[in-house]
Amino acid sequence: MIFQEFDDALLGAVDFAFCSLGKSCRRALYFHLETTFRLPRRQIPERLEEFDEALRIIFKSGATFLEKLILRKLCEMLEVKVVEDDALDFVESISKIRSIPSSSVTLVPGFSVITSTAKKTRR
């Protein structure tokens, strides 16, 4: 998978999760990430640990909800299947998803078993 595609999908998943809190909240979160944590939106994929830490500072234990929402949306966008299990953390799970080749099965203990799904061709 091309890294730019993955990064775009990840940012789309973050947008989706933030929008679940409301559009004005999404704008406020991005503003807060950039001004307080010096983390612009476009740098989130390359600075995942800092993004995770910022979410935990802002939302405390509620950050887990957003992380799971981001992960589910990312897997949906990349057409990989997720079965939740809480052994790995958010950053490790994203790293596992980033590294999977198409049509393979990968155990991601933190969040899930992740499998690529083959697209069906129409006749």
PDB file of N, CA and C in Angstrom:
ATOM      1  N   MET A   1       0.844  -1.178   0.000  1.00  0.00           N
ATOM      2  CA  MET A   1       0.000   0.000   0.000  1.00  0.00           C
ATOM      3  C   MET A   1       0.887   1.237   0.000  1.00  0.00           C
ATOM      4  N   ILE A   2       0.517   2.178  -0.795  1.00  0.00           N
ATOM      5  CA  ILE A   2       1.257   3.434  -0.862  1.00  0.00           C
ATOM      6  C   ILE A   2       0.996   4.201   0.436  1.00  0.00           C
ATOM      7  N   PHE A   3       2.073   4.711   1.046  1.00  0.00           N
ATOM      8  CA  PHE A   3       1.934   5.380   2.333  1.00  0.00           C
ATOM      9  C   PHE A   3       1.027   6.597   2.279  1.00  0.00           C
ATOM     10  N   GLN A   4       1.048   7.346   1.181  1.00  0.00           N
ATOM     11  CA  GLN A   4       0.180   8.522   1.072  1.00  0.00           C
ATOM     12  C   GLN A   4      -1.290   8.117   1.130  1.00  0.00           C
ATOM     13  N   GLU A   5      -1.641   7.016   0.486  1.00  0.00           N
ATOM     14  CA  GLU A   5      -3.014   6.517   0.545  1.00  0.00           C
ATOM     15  C   GLU A   5      -3.398   6.188   1.980  1.00  0.00           C
ATOM     16  N   PHE A   6      -2.486   5.518   2.677  1.00  0.00           N
ATOM     17  CA  PHE A   6      -2.760   5.158   4.068  1.00  0.00           C
ATOM     18  C   PHE A   6      -2.927   6.414   4.921  1.00  0.00           C
ATOM     19  N   ASP A   7      -2.025   7.367   4.760  1.00  0.00           N
ATOM     20  CA  ASP A   7      -2.096   8.604   5.534  1.00  0.00           C
ATOM     21  C   ASP A   7      -3.404   9.346   5.267  1.00  0.00           C
ATOM     22  N   ASP A   8      -3.830   9.395   4.006  1.00  0.00           N
ATOM     23  CA  ASP A   8      -5.096  10.048   3.661  1.00  0.00           C
ATOM     24  C   ASP A   8      -6.272   9.328   4.316  1.00  0.00           C
ATOM     25  N   ALA A   9      -6.238   8.003   4.302  1.00  0.00           N
ATOM     26  CA  ALA A   9      -7.308   7.223   4.935  1.00  0.00           C
ATOM     27  C   ALA A   9      -7.313   7.464   6.439  1.00  0.00           C
ATOM     28  N   LEU A  10      -6.136   7.503   7.049  1.00  0.00           N
ATOM     29  CA  LEU A  10      -6.052   7.746   8.489  1.00  0.00           C
ATOM     30  C   LEU A  10      -6.611   9.119   8.840  1.00  0.00           C
ATOM     31  N   LEU A  11      -6.248  10.134   8.071  1.00  0.00           N
ATOM     32  CA  LEU A  11      -6.774  11.479   8.336  1.00  0.00           C
ATOM     33  C   LEU A  11      -8.289  11.526   8.126  1.00  0.00           C
ATOM     34  N   GLY A  12      -8.783  10.799   7.138  1.00  0.00           N
ATOM     35  CA  GLY A  12     -10.226  10.705   6.927  1.00  0.00           C
ATOM     36  C   GLY A  12     -10.917  10.046   8.108  1.00  0.00           C
ATOM     37  N   ALA A  13     -10.284   9.030   8.680  1.00  0.00           N
ATOM     38  CA  ALA A  13     -10.849   8.340   9.850  1.00  0.00           C
ATOM     39  C   ALA A  13     -10.838   9.258  11.074  1.00  0.00           C
ATOM     40  N   VAL A  14      -9.787  10.046  11.221  1.00  0.00           N
ATOM     41  CA  VAL A  14      -9.721  11.010  12.328  1.00  0.00           C
ATOM     42  C   VAL A  14     -10.816  12.062  12.151  1.00  0.00           C
ATOM     43  N   ASP A  15     -10.982  12.573  10.925  1.00  0.00           N
ATOM     44  CA  ASP A  15     -12.054  13.535  10.643  1.00  0.00           C
ATOM     45  C   ASP A  15     -13.414  12.955  11.025  1.00  0.00           C
ATOM     46  N   PHE A  16     -13.645  11.705  10.627  1.00  0.00           N
ATOM     47  CA  PHE A  16     -14.910  11.038  10.917  1.00  0.00           C
ATOM     48  C   PHE A  16     -15.149  10.963  12.429  1.00  0.00           C
ATOM     49  N   ALA A  17     -14.130  10.539  13.169  1.00  0.00           N
ATOM     50  CA  ALA A  17     -14.264  10.419  14.624  1.00  0.00           C
ATOM     51  C   ALA A  17     -14.509  11.777  15.273  1.00  0.00           C
ATOM     52  N   PHE A  18     -13.760  12.786  14.846  1.00  0.00           N
ATOM     53  CA  PHE A  18     -13.946  14.119  15.416  1.00  0.00           C
ATOM     54  C   PHE A  18     -15.319  14.675  15.068  1.00  0.00           C
ATOM     55  N   CYS A  19     -15.799  14.415  13.849  1.00  0.00           N
ATOM     56  CA  CYS A  19     -17.132  14.882  13.437  1.00  0.00           C
ATOM     57  C   CYS A  19     -18.242  14.218  14.247  1.00  0.00           C
ATOM     58  N   SER A  20     -17.966  13.022  14.775  1.00  0.00           N
ATOM     59  CA  SER A  20     -18.977  12.347  15.592  1.00  0.00           C
ATOM     60  C   SER A  20     -19.297  13.168  16.845  1.00  0.00           C
ATOM     61  N   LEU A  21     -18.393  14.072  17.194  1.00  0.00           N
ATOM     62  CA  LEU A  21     -18.605  14.961  18.343  1.00  0.00           C
ATOM     63  C   LEU A  21     -19.264  16.274  17.934  1.00  0.00           C
ATOM     64  N   GLY A  22     -19.396  16.487  16.627  1.00  0.00           N
ATOM     65  CA  GLY A  22     -19.980  17.710  16.082  1.00  0.00           C
ATOM     66  C   GLY A  22     -18.953  18.459  15.260  1.00  0.00           C
ATOM     67  N   LYS A  23     -19.429  19.160  14.227  1.00  0.00           N
ATOM     68  CA  LYS A  23     -18.504  19.855  13.323  1.00  0.00           C
ATOM     69  C   LYS A  23     -17.731  20.969  14.021  1.00  0.00           C
ATOM     70  N   SER A  24     -18.382  21.710  14.886  1.00  0.00           N
ATOM     71  CA  SER A  24     -17.660  22.785  15.577  1.00  0.00           C
ATOM     72  C   SER A  24     -16.652  22.200  16.561  1.00  0.00           C
ATOM     73  N   CYS A  25     -16.972  21.059  17.140  1.00  0.00           N
ATOM     74  CA  CYS A  25     -16.035  20.386  18.039  1.00  0.00           C
ATOM     75  C   CYS A  25     -14.826  19.896  17.250  1.00  0.00           C
ATOM     76  N   ARG A  26     -15.062  19.387  16.047  1.00  0.00           N
ATOM     77  CA  ARG A  26     -13.958  18.947  15.178  1.00  0.00           C
ATOM     78  C   ARG A  26     -13.004  20.099  14.916  1.00  0.00           C
ATOM     79  N   ARG A  27     -13.549  21.249  14.558  1.00  0.00           N
ATOM     80  CA  ARG A  27     -12.701  22.421  14.302  1.00  0.00           C
ATOM     81  C   ARG A  27     -11.933  22.825  15.565  1.00  0.00           C
ATOM     82  N   ALA A  28     -12.608  22.792  16.702  1.00  0.00           N
ATOM     83  CA  ALA A  28     -11.960  23.148  17.967  1.00  0.00           C
ATOM     84  C   ALA A  28     -10.847  22.165  18.319  1.00  0.00           C
ATOM     85  N   LEU A  29     -11.065  20.889  18.060  1.00  0.00           N
ATOM     86  CA  LEU A  29     -10.033  19.889  18.348  1.00  0.00           C
ATOM     87  C   LEU A  29      -8.797  20.104  17.485  1.00  0.00           C
ATOM     88  N   TYR A  30      -8.994  20.325  16.190  1.00  0.00           N
ATOM     89  CA  TYR A  30      -7.842  20.575  15.317  1.00  0.00           C
ATOM     90  C   TYR A  30      -7.105  21.848  15.732  1.00  0.00           C
ATOM     91  N   PHE A  31      -7.863  22.883  16.094  1.00  0.00           N
ATOM     92  CA  PHE A  31      -7.250  24.125  16.553  1.00  0.00           C
ATOM     93  C   PHE A  31      -6.425  23.872  17.818  1.00  0.00           C
ATOM     94  N   HIS A  32      -6.997  23.127  18.754  1.00  0.00           N
ATOM     95  CA  HIS A  32      -6.324  22.822  20.014  1.00  0.00           C
ATOM     96  C   HIS A  32      -5.075  21.959  19.777  1.00  0.00           C
ATOM     97  N   LEU A  33      -5.187  20.984  18.894  1.00  0.00           N
ATOM     98  CA  LEU A  33      -4.021  20.149  18.573  1.00  0.00           C
ATOM     99  C   LEU A  33      -2.888  20.993  18.004  1.00  0.00           C
ATOM    100  N   GLU A  34      -3.254  21.932  17.135  1.00  0.00           N
ATOM    101  CA  GLU A  34      -2.225  22.750  16.488  1.00  0.00           C
ATOM    102  C   GLU A  34      -1.636  23.793  17.443  1.00  0.00           C
ATOM    103  N   THR A  35      -2.468  24.463  18.212  1.00  0.00           N
ATOM    104  CA  THR A  35      -1.952  25.545  19.059  1.00  0.00           C
ATOM    105  C   THR A  35      -1.335  25.046  20.365  1.00  0.00           C
ATOM    106  N   THR A  36      -1.967  24.088  21.006  1.00  0.00           N
ATOM    107  CA  THR A  36      -1.471  23.608  22.295  1.00  0.00           C
ATOM    108  C   THR A  36      -0.380  22.556  22.140  1.00  0.00           C
ATOM    109  N   PHE A  37      -0.574  21.642  21.198  1.00  0.00           N
ATOM    110  CA  PHE A  37       0.353  20.516  21.047  1.00  0.00           C
ATOM    111  C   PHE A  37       1.294  20.656  19.850  1.00  0.00           C
ATOM    112  N   ARG A  38       1.168  21.745  19.100  1.00  0.00           N
ATOM    113  CA  ARG A  38       1.996  21.980  17.906  1.00  0.00           C
ATOM    114  C   ARG A  38       1.924  20.783  16.953  1.00  0.00           C
ATOM    115  N   LEU A  39       0.684  20.300  16.764  1.00  0.00           N
ATOM    116  CA  LEU A  39       0.450  19.126  15.927  1.00  0.00           C
ATOM    117  C   LEU A  39      -0.601  19.443  14.869  1.00  0.00           C
ATOM    118  N   PRO A  40      -0.155  19.923  13.705  1.00  0.00           N
ATOM    119  CA  PRO A  40      -1.104  20.198  12.627  1.00  0.00           C
ATOM    120  C   PRO A  40      -1.726  18.905  12.110  1.00  0.00           C
ATOM    121  N   ARG A  41      -2.903  19.004  11.585  1.00  0.00           N
ATOM    122  CA  ARG A  41      -3.647  17.846  11.082  1.00  0.00           C
ATOM    123  C   ARG A  41      -2.797  16.999  10.147  1.00  0.00           C
ATOM    124  N   ARG A  42      -2.133  17.608   9.202  1.00  0.00           N
ATOM    125  CA  ARG A  42      -1.382  16.862   8.182  1.00  0.00           C
ATOM    126  C   ARG A  42      -0.229  16.057   8.766  1.00  0.00           C
ATOM    127  N   GLN A  43       0.209  16.375   9.987  1.00  0.00           N
ATOM    128  CA  GLN A  43       1.326  15.654  10.607  1.00  0.00           C
ATOM    129  C   GLN A  43       0.886  14.506  11.511  1.00  0.00           C
ATOM    130  N   ILE A  44      -0.412  14.325  11.685  1.00  0.00           N
ATOM    131  CA  ILE A  44      -0.904  13.266  12.567  1.00  0.00           C
ATOM    132  C   ILE A  44      -0.371  11.885  12.169  1.00  0.00           C
ATOM    133  N   PRO A  45      -0.408  11.489  10.888  1.00  0.00           N
ATOM    134  CA  PRO A  45       0.064  10.144  10.544  1.00  0.00           C
ATOM    135  C   PRO A  45       1.530   9.886  10.904  1.00  0.00           C
ATOM    136  N   GLU A  46       2.376  10.886  10.821  1.00  0.00           N
ATOM    137  CA  GLU A  46       3.789  10.685  11.134  1.00  0.00           C
ATOM    138  C   GLU A  46       4.111  10.936  12.599  1.00  0.00           C
ATOM    139  N   ARG A  47       3.158  11.461  13.346  1.00  0.00           N
ATOM    140  CA  ARG A  47       3.378  11.749  14.769  1.00  0.00           C
ATOM    141  C   ARG A  47       2.265  11.117  15.611  1.00  0.00           C
ATOM    142  N   LEU A  48       2.007   9.842  15.359  1.00  0.00           N
ATOM    143  CA  LEU A  48       0.908   9.144  16.022  1.00  0.00           C
ATOM    144  C   LEU A  48       1.037   9.101  17.543  1.00  0.00           C
ATOM    145  N   GLU A  49       2.245   8.910  18.038  1.00  0.00           N
ATOM    146  CA  GLU A  49       2.427   8.842  19.493  1.00  0.00           C
ATOM    147  C   GLU A  49       2.024  10.165  20.138  1.00  0.00           C
ATOM    148  N   GLU A  50       2.410  11.267  19.515  1.00  0.00           N
ATOM    149  CA  GLU A  50       2.049  12.582  20.044  1.00  0.00           C
ATOM    150  C   GLU A  50       0.540  12.820  19.935  1.00  0.00           C
ATOM    151  N   PHE A  51      -0.047  12.361  18.843  1.00  0.00           N
ATOM    152  CA  PHE A  51      -1.490  12.480  18.655  1.00  0.00           C
ATOM    153  C   PHE A  51      -2.222  11.695  19.737  1.00  0.00           C
ATOM    154  N   ASP A  52      -1.778  10.476  19.979  1.00  0.00           N
ATOM    155  CA  ASP A  52      -2.373   9.636  21.014  1.00  0.00           C
ATOM    156  C   ASP A  52      -2.259  10.298  22.392  1.00  0.00           C
ATOM    157  N   GLU A  53      -1.092  10.827  22.690  1.00  0.00           N
ATOM    158  CA  GLU A  53      -0.877  11.498  23.970  1.00  0.00           C
ATOM    159  C   GLU A  53      -1.782  12.734  24.105  1.00  0.00           C
ATOM    160  N   ALA A  54      -1.911  13.499  23.028  1.00  0.00           N
ATOM    161  CA  ALA A  54      -2.773  14.686  23.058  1.00  0.00           C
ATOM    162  C   ALA A  54      -4.233  14.286  23.311  1.00  0.00           C
ATOM    163  N   LEU A  55      -4.692  13.229  22.641  1.00  0.00           N
ATOM    164  CA  LEU A  55      -6.069  12.761  22.874  1.00  0.00           C
ATOM    165  C   LEU A  55      -6.262  12.359  24.327  1.00  0.00           C
ATOM    166  N   ARG A  56      -5.270  11.703  24.904  1.00  0.00           N
ATOM    167  CA  ARG A  56      -5.370  11.253  26.299  1.00  0.00           C
ATOM    168  C   ARG A  56      -5.354  12.441  27.276  1.00  0.00           C
ATOM    169  N   ILE A  57      -4.616  13.476  26.932  1.00  0.00           N
ATOM    170  CA  ILE A  57      -4.610  14.675  27.782  1.00  0.00           C
ATOM    171  C   ILE A  57      -5.965  15.388  27.688  1.00  0.00           C
ATOM    172  N   ILE A  58      -6.489  15.497  26.468  1.00  0.00           N
ATOM    173  CA  ILE A  58      -7.752  16.206  26.262  1.00  0.00           C
ATOM    174  C   ILE A  58      -8.939  15.419  26.813  1.00  0.00           C
ATOM    175  N   PHE A  59      -9.010  14.122  26.507  1.00  0.00           N
ATOM    176  CA  PHE A  59     -10.199  13.327  26.816  1.00  0.00           C
ATOM    177  C   PHE A  59     -10.038  12.336  27.961  1.00  0.00           C
ATOM    178  N   LYS A  60      -8.844  12.230  28.520  1.00  0.00           N
ATOM    179  CA  LYS A  60      -8.568  11.263  29.591  1.00  0.00           C
ATOM    180  C   LYS A  60      -8.953   9.851  29.116  1.00  0.00           C
ATOM    181  N   SER A  61      -9.716   9.117  29.905  1.00  0.00           N
ATOM    182  CA  SER A  61     -10.082   7.746  29.524  1.00  0.00           C
ATOM    183  C   SER A  61     -11.049   7.715  28.338  1.00  0.00           C
ATOM    184  N   GLY A  62     -11.698   8.824  28.037  1.00  0.00           N
ATOM    185  CA  GLY A  62     -12.600   8.899  26.893  1.00  0.00           C
ATOM    186  C   GLY A  62     -11.877   8.839  25.555  1.00  0.00           C
ATOM    187  N   ALA A  63     -10.555   8.998  25.564  1.00  0.00           N
ATOM    188  CA  ALA A  63      -9.778   8.924  24.325  1.00  0.00           C
ATOM    189  C   ALA A  63      -9.919   7.556  23.674  1.00  0.00           C
ATOM    190  N   THR A  64     -10.106   6.518  24.476  1.00  0.00           N
ATOM    191  CA  THR A  64     -10.243   5.158  23.943  1.00  0.00           C
ATOM    192  C   THR A  64     -11.419   5.064  22.991  1.00  0.00           C
ATOM    193  N   PHE A  65     -12.514   5.726  23.311  1.00  0.00           N
ATOM    194  CA  PHE A  65     -13.687   5.717  22.425  1.00  0.00           C
ATOM    195  C   PHE A  65     -13.319   6.278  21.051  1.00  0.00           C
ATOM    196  N   LEU A  66     -12.662   7.420  21.026  1.00  0.00           N
ATOM    197  CA  LEU A  66     -12.269   8.029  19.751  1.00  0.00           C
ATOM    198  C   LEU A  66     -11.257   7.167  19.005  1.00  0.00           C
ATOM    199  N   GLU A  67     -10.311   6.591  19.723  1.00  0.00           N
ATOM    200  CA  GLU A  67      -9.316   5.738  19.087  1.00  0.00           C
ATOM    201  C   GLU A  67      -9.973   4.533  18.413  1.00  0.00           C
ATOM    202  N   LYS A  68     -10.917   3.905  19.086  1.00  0.00           N
ATOM    203  CA  LYS A  68     -11.609   2.753  18.501  1.00  0.00           C
ATOM    204  C   LYS A  68     -12.445   3.175  17.301  1.00  0.00           C
ATOM    205  N   LEU A  69     -13.044   4.334  17.383  1.00  0.00           N
ATOM    206  CA  LEU A  69     -13.826   4.852  16.260  1.00  0.00           C
ATOM    207  C   LEU A  69     -12.908   5.129  15.059  1.00  0.00           C
ATOM    208  N   ILE A  70     -11.757   5.720  15.315  1.00  0.00           N
ATOM    209  CA  ILE A  70     -10.777   5.971  14.258  1.00  0.00           C
ATOM    210  C   ILE A  70     -10.338   4.646  13.634  1.00  0.00           C
ATOM    211  N   LEU A  71     -10.028   3.690  14.468  1.00  0.00           N
ATOM    212  CA  LEU A  71      -9.572   2.395  13.971  1.00  0.00           C
ATOM    213  C   LEU A  71     -10.637   1.699  13.128  1.00  0.00           C
ATOM    214  N   ARG A  72     -11.878   1.689  13.607  1.00  0.00           N
ATOM    215  CA  ARG A  72     -12.966   1.054  12.844  1.00  0.00           C
ATOM    216  C   ARG A  72     -13.156   1.722  11.487  1.00  0.00           C
ATOM    217  N   LYS A  73     -13.159   3.056  11.470  1.00  0.00           N
ATOM    218  CA  LYS A  73     -13.355   3.780  10.218  1.00  0.00           C
ATOM    219  C   LYS A  73     -12.183   3.557   9.267  1.00  0.00           C
ATOM    220  N   LEU A  74     -10.971   3.555   9.798  1.00  0.00           N
ATOM    221  CA  LEU A  74      -9.790   3.305   8.980  1.00  0.00           C
ATOM    222  C   LEU A  74      -9.883   1.926   8.326  1.00  0.00           C
ATOM    223  N   CYS A  75     -10.241   0.929   9.099  1.00  0.00           N
ATOM    224  CA  CYS A  75     -10.360  -0.434   8.562  1.00  0.00           C
ATOM    225  C   CYS A  75     -11.461  -0.507   7.514  1.00  0.00           C
ATOM    226  N   GLU A  76     -12.550   0.196   7.742  1.00  0.00           N
ATOM    227  CA  GLU A  76     -13.631   0.243   6.752  1.00  0.00           C
ATOM    228  C   GLU A  76     -13.137   0.879   5.450  1.00  0.00           C
ATOM    229  N   MET A  77     -12.416   1.975   5.570  1.00  0.00           N
ATOM    230  CA  MET A  77     -11.922   2.680   4.386  1.00  0.00           C
ATOM    231  C   MET A  77     -10.898   1.849   3.612  1.00  0.00           C
ATOM    232  N   LEU A  78     -10.101   1.061   4.333  1.00  0.00           N
ATOM    233  CA  LEU A  78      -9.066   0.250   3.699  1.00  0.00           C
ATOM    234  C   LEU A  78      -9.560  -1.151   3.356  1.00  0.00           C
ATOM    235  N   GLU A  79     -10.823  -1.400   3.687  1.00  0.00           N
ATOM    236  CA  GLU A  79     -11.451  -2.699   3.443  1.00  0.00           C
ATOM    237  C   GLU A  79     -10.716  -3.839   4.131  1.00  0.00           C
ATOM    238  N   VAL A  80     -10.425  -3.628   5.413  1.00  0.00           N
ATOM    239  CA  VAL A  80      -9.881  -4.699   6.244  1.00  0.00           C
ATOM    240  C   VAL A  80     -10.872  -4.966   7.363  1.00  0.00           C
ATOM    241  N   LYS A  81     -10.912  -6.200   7.813  1.00  0.00           N
ATOM    242  CA  LYS A  81     -11.868  -6.605   8.842  1.00  0.00           C
ATOM    243  C   LYS A  81     -11.210  -6.531  10.218  1.00  0.00           C
ATOM    244  N   VAL A  82     -11.973  -6.075  11.189  1.00  0.00           N
ATOM    245  CA  VAL A  82     -11.477  -5.936  12.548  1.00  0.00           C
ATOM    246  C   VAL A  82     -12.380  -6.699  13.517  1.00  0.00           C
ATOM    247  N   VAL A  83     -11.762  -7.434  14.420  1.00  0.00           N
ATOM    248  CA  VAL A  83     -12.477  -8.085  15.514  1.00  0.00           C
ATOM    249  C   VAL A  83     -11.791  -7.600  16.782  1.00  0.00           C
ATOM    250  N   GLU A  84     -12.518  -6.881  17.622  1.00  0.00           N
ATOM    251  CA  GLU A  84     -11.876  -6.195  18.749  1.00  0.00           C
ATOM    252  C   GLU A  84     -11.344  -7.117  19.833  1.00  0.00           C
ATOM    253  N   ASP A  85     -10.217  -6.701  20.367  1.00  0.00           N
ATOM    254  CA  ASP A  85      -9.508  -7.369  21.455  1.00  0.00           C
ATOM    255  C   ASP A  85      -8.539  -6.309  21.966  1.00  0.00           C
ATOM    256  N   ASP A  86      -8.445  -6.110  23.256  1.00  0.00           N
ATOM    257  CA  ASP A  86      -7.709  -4.954  23.785  1.00  0.00           C
ATOM    258  C   ASP A  86      -6.252  -5.187  24.200  1.00  0.00           C
ATOM    259  N   ALA A  87      -5.514  -6.039  23.537  1.00  0.00           N
ATOM    260  CA  ALA A  87      -4.131  -6.305  23.952  1.00  0.00           C
ATOM    261  C   ALA A  87      -3.122  -5.246  23.488  1.00  0.00           C
ATOM    262  N   LEU A  88      -3.267  -4.696  22.282  1.00  0.00           N
ATOM    263  CA  LEU A  88      -2.343  -3.661  21.806  1.00  0.00           C
ATOM    264  C   LEU A  88      -2.962  -2.280  21.970  1.00  0.00           C
ATOM    265  N   ASP A  89      -2.109  -1.286  22.046  1.00  0.00           N
ATOM    266  CA  ASP A  89      -2.637   0.075  22.128  1.00  0.00           C
ATOM    267  C   ASP A  89      -2.913   0.628  20.731  1.00  0.00           C
ATOM    268  N   PHE A  90      -3.426   1.830  20.700  1.00  0.00           N
ATOM    269  CA  PHE A  90      -3.839   2.490  19.461  1.00  0.00           C
ATOM    270  C   PHE A  90      -2.689   2.616  18.459  1.00  0.00           C
ATOM    271  N   VAL A  91      -1.560   3.124  18.900  1.00  0.00           N
ATOM    272  CA  VAL A  91      -0.428   3.359  18.006  1.00  0.00           C
ATOM    273  C   VAL A  91       0.083   2.039  17.425  1.00  0.00           C
ATOM    274  N   GLU A  92       0.192   1.009  18.255  1.00  0.00           N
ATOM    275  CA  GLU A  92       0.643  -0.300  17.780  1.00  0.00           C
ATOM    276  C   GLU A  92      -0.333  -0.889  16.771  1.00  0.00           C
ATOM    277  N   SER A  93      -1.620  -0.713  17.020  1.00  0.00           N
ATOM    278  CA  SER A  93      -2.637  -1.228  16.100  1.00  0.00           C
ATOM    279  C   SER A  93      -2.569  -0.528  14.749  1.00  0.00           C
ATOM    280  N   ILE A  94      -2.425   0.787  14.754  1.00  0.00           N
ATOM    281  CA  ILE A  94      -2.305   1.537  13.503  1.00  0.00           C
ATOM    282  C   ILE A  94      -1.058   1.082  12.746  1.00  0.00           C
ATOM    283  N   SER A  95       0.030   0.888  13.449  1.00  0.00           N
ATOM    284  CA  SER A  95       1.262   0.420  12.835  1.00  0.00           C
ATOM    285  C   SER A  95       1.068  -0.951  12.186  1.00  0.00           C
ATOM    286  N   LYS A  96       0.359  -1.847  12.863  1.00  0.00           N
ATOM    287  CA  LYS A  96       0.081  -3.171  12.304  1.00  0.00           C
ATOM    288  C   LYS A  96      -0.750  -3.058  11.028  1.00  0.00           C
ATOM    289  N   ILE A  97      -1.764  -2.228  11.062  1.00  0.00           N
ATOM    290  CA  ILE A  97      -2.631  -2.062   9.892  1.00  0.00           C
ATOM    291  C   ILE A  97      -1.825  -1.486   8.729  1.00  0.00           C
ATOM    292  N   ARG A  98      -0.977  -0.513   9.017  1.00  0.00           N
ATOM    293  CA  ARG A  98      -0.146   0.113   7.980  1.00  0.00           C
ATOM    294  C   ARG A  98       0.745  -0.919   7.292  1.00  0.00           C
ATOM    295  N   SER A  99       1.178  -1.926   8.045  1.00  0.00           N
ATOM    296  CA  SER A  99       2.145  -2.874   7.502  1.00  0.00           C
ATOM    297  C   SER A  99       1.536  -4.111   6.831  1.00  0.00           C
ATOM    298  N   ILE A 100       0.224  -4.278   6.887  1.00  0.00           N
ATOM    299  CA  ILE A 100      -0.328  -5.502   6.310  1.00  0.00           C
ATOM    300  C   ILE A 100      -0.350  -5.458   4.796  1.00  0.00           C
ATOM    301  N   PRO A 101       0.086  -6.545   4.177  1.00  0.00           N
ATOM    302  CA  PRO A 101      -0.050  -6.642   2.724  1.00  0.00           C
ATOM    303  C   PRO A 101      -1.486  -7.014   2.390  1.00  0.00           C
ATOM    304  N   SER A 102      -1.912  -6.748   1.190  1.00  0.00           N
ATOM    305  CA  SER A 102      -3.283  -7.085   0.819  1.00  0.00           C
ATOM    306  C   SER A 102      -3.467  -8.592   0.850  1.00  0.00           C
ATOM    307  N   SER A 103      -4.702  -9.008   1.099  1.00  0.00           N
ATOM    308  CA  SER A 103      -5.139 -10.400   1.195  1.00  0.00           C
ATOM    309  C   SER A 103      -4.307 -11.234   2.170  1.00  0.00           C
ATOM    310  N   SER A 104      -4.040 -10.646   3.340  1.00  0.00           N
ATOM    311  CA  SER A 104      -3.379 -11.403   4.390  1.00  0.00           C
ATOM    312  C   SER A 104      -4.166 -11.253   5.679  1.00  0.00           C
ATOM    313  N   VAL A 105      -3.860 -12.086   6.639  1.00  0.00           N
ATOM    314  CA  VAL A 105      -4.527 -12.032   7.933  1.00  0.00           C
ATOM    315  C   VAL A 105      -3.469 -11.679   8.967  1.00  0.00           C
ATOM    316  N   THR A 106      -3.765 -10.713   9.810  1.00  0.00           N
ATOM    317  CA  THR A 106      -2.823 -10.293  10.839  1.00  0.00           C
ATOM    318  C   THR A 106      -3.539 -10.197  12.174  1.00  0.00           C
ATOM    319  N   LEU A 107      -2.959 -10.766  13.202  1.00  0.00           N
ATOM    320  CA  LEU A 107      -3.512 -10.643  14.538  1.00  0.00           C
ATOM    321  C   LEU A 107      -3.008  -9.342  15.133  1.00  0.00           C
ATOM    322  N   VAL A 108      -3.930  -8.509  15.543  1.00  0.00           N
ATOM    323  CA  VAL A 108      -3.593  -7.266  16.207  1.00  0.00           C
ATOM    324  C   VAL A 108      -4.220  -7.363  17.581  1.00  0.00           C
ATOM    325  N   PRO A 109      -3.492  -7.910  18.541  1.00  0.00           N
ATOM    326  CA  PRO A 109      -4.073  -8.171  19.843  1.00  0.00           C
ATOM    327  C   PRO A 109      -4.715  -6.962  20.497  1.00  0.00           C
ATOM    328  N   GLY A 110      -4.162  -5.773  20.279  1.00  0.00           N
ATOM    329  CA  GLY A 110      -4.688  -4.588  20.944  1.00  0.00           C
ATOM    330  C   GLY A 110      -6.096  -4.261  20.553  1.00  0.00           C
ATOM    331  N   PHE A 111      -6.389  -4.348  19.309  1.00  0.00           N
ATOM    332  CA  PHE A 111      -7.715  -4.009  18.876  1.00  0.00           C
ATOM    333  C   PHE A 111      -8.398  -5.158  18.164  1.00  0.00           C
ATOM    334  N   SER A 112      -7.633  -6.031  17.487  1.00  0.00           N
ATOM    335  CA  SER A 112      -8.371  -7.009  16.728  1.00  0.00           C
ATOM    336  C   SER A 112      -7.565  -7.924  15.862  1.00  0.00           C
ATOM    337  N   VAL A 113      -8.311  -8.820  15.232  1.00  0.00           N
ATOM    338  CA  VAL A 113      -7.775  -9.598  14.133  1.00  0.00           C
ATOM    339  C   VAL A 113      -8.134  -8.800  12.905  1.00  0.00           C
ATOM    340  N   ILE A 114      -7.169  -8.548  12.055  1.00  0.00           N
ATOM    341  CA  ILE A 114      -7.399  -7.705  10.898  1.00  0.00           C
ATOM    342  C   ILE A 114      -7.133  -8.525   9.649  1.00  0.00           C
ATOM    343  N   THR A 115      -8.075  -8.530   8.744  1.00  0.00           N
ATOM    344  CA  THR A 115      -7.884  -9.257   7.497  1.00  0.00           C
ATOM    345  C   THR A 115      -8.251  -8.363   6.341  1.00  0.00           C
ATOM    346  N   SER A 116      -7.540  -8.512   5.260  1.00  0.00           N
ATOM    347  CA  SER A 116      -7.909  -7.795   4.050  1.00  0.00           C
ATOM    348  C   SER A 116      -9.059  -8.545   3.411  1.00  0.00           C
ATOM    349  N   THR A 117      -9.981  -7.824   2.832  1.00  0.00           N
ATOM    350  CA  THR A 117     -11.079  -8.472   2.146  1.00  0.00           C
ATOM    351  C   THR A 117     -10.902  -8.245   0.653  1.00  0.00           C
ATOM    352  N   ALA A 118     -11.050  -9.307  -0.089  1.00  0.00           N
ATOM    353  CA  ALA A 118     -10.909  -9.196  -1.542  1.00  0.00           C
ATOM    354  C   ALA A 118     -12.157  -8.573  -2.114  1.00  0.00           C
ATOM    355  N   LYS A 119     -11.995  -7.671  -3.068  1.00  0.00           N
ATOM    356  CA  LYS A 119     -13.137  -7.070  -3.727  1.00  0.00           C
ATOM    357  C   LYS A 119     -13.726  -8.069  -4.711  1.00  0.00           C
ATOM    358  N   LYS A 120     -15.032  -8.171  -4.726  1.00  0.00           N
ATOM    359  CA  LYS A 120     -15.689  -9.055  -5.669  1.00  0.00           C
ATOM    360  C   LYS A 120     -15.874  -8.309  -6.980  1.00  0.00           C
ATOM    361  N   THR A 121     -15.603  -8.995  -8.061  1.00  0.00           N
ATOM    362  CA  THR A 121     -15.787  -8.364  -9.370  1.00  0.00           C
ATOM    363  C   THR A 121     -17.191  -8.657  -9.861  1.00  0.00           C
ATOM    364  N   ARG A 122     -17.795  -7.703 -10.473  1.00  0.00           N
ATOM    365  CA  ARG A 122     -19.145  -7.865 -11.018  1.00  0.00           C
ATOM    366  C   ARG A 122     -19.072  -8.432 -12.417  1.00  0.00           C
ATOM    367  N   ARG A 123     -20.014  -9.254 -12.702  1.00  0.00           N
ATOM    368  CA  ARG A 123     -20.079  -9.836 -14.061  1.00  0.00           C
ATOM    369  C   ARG A 123     -21.160  -9.205 -14.860  1.00  0.00           C
TER     370      ARG A 123
END
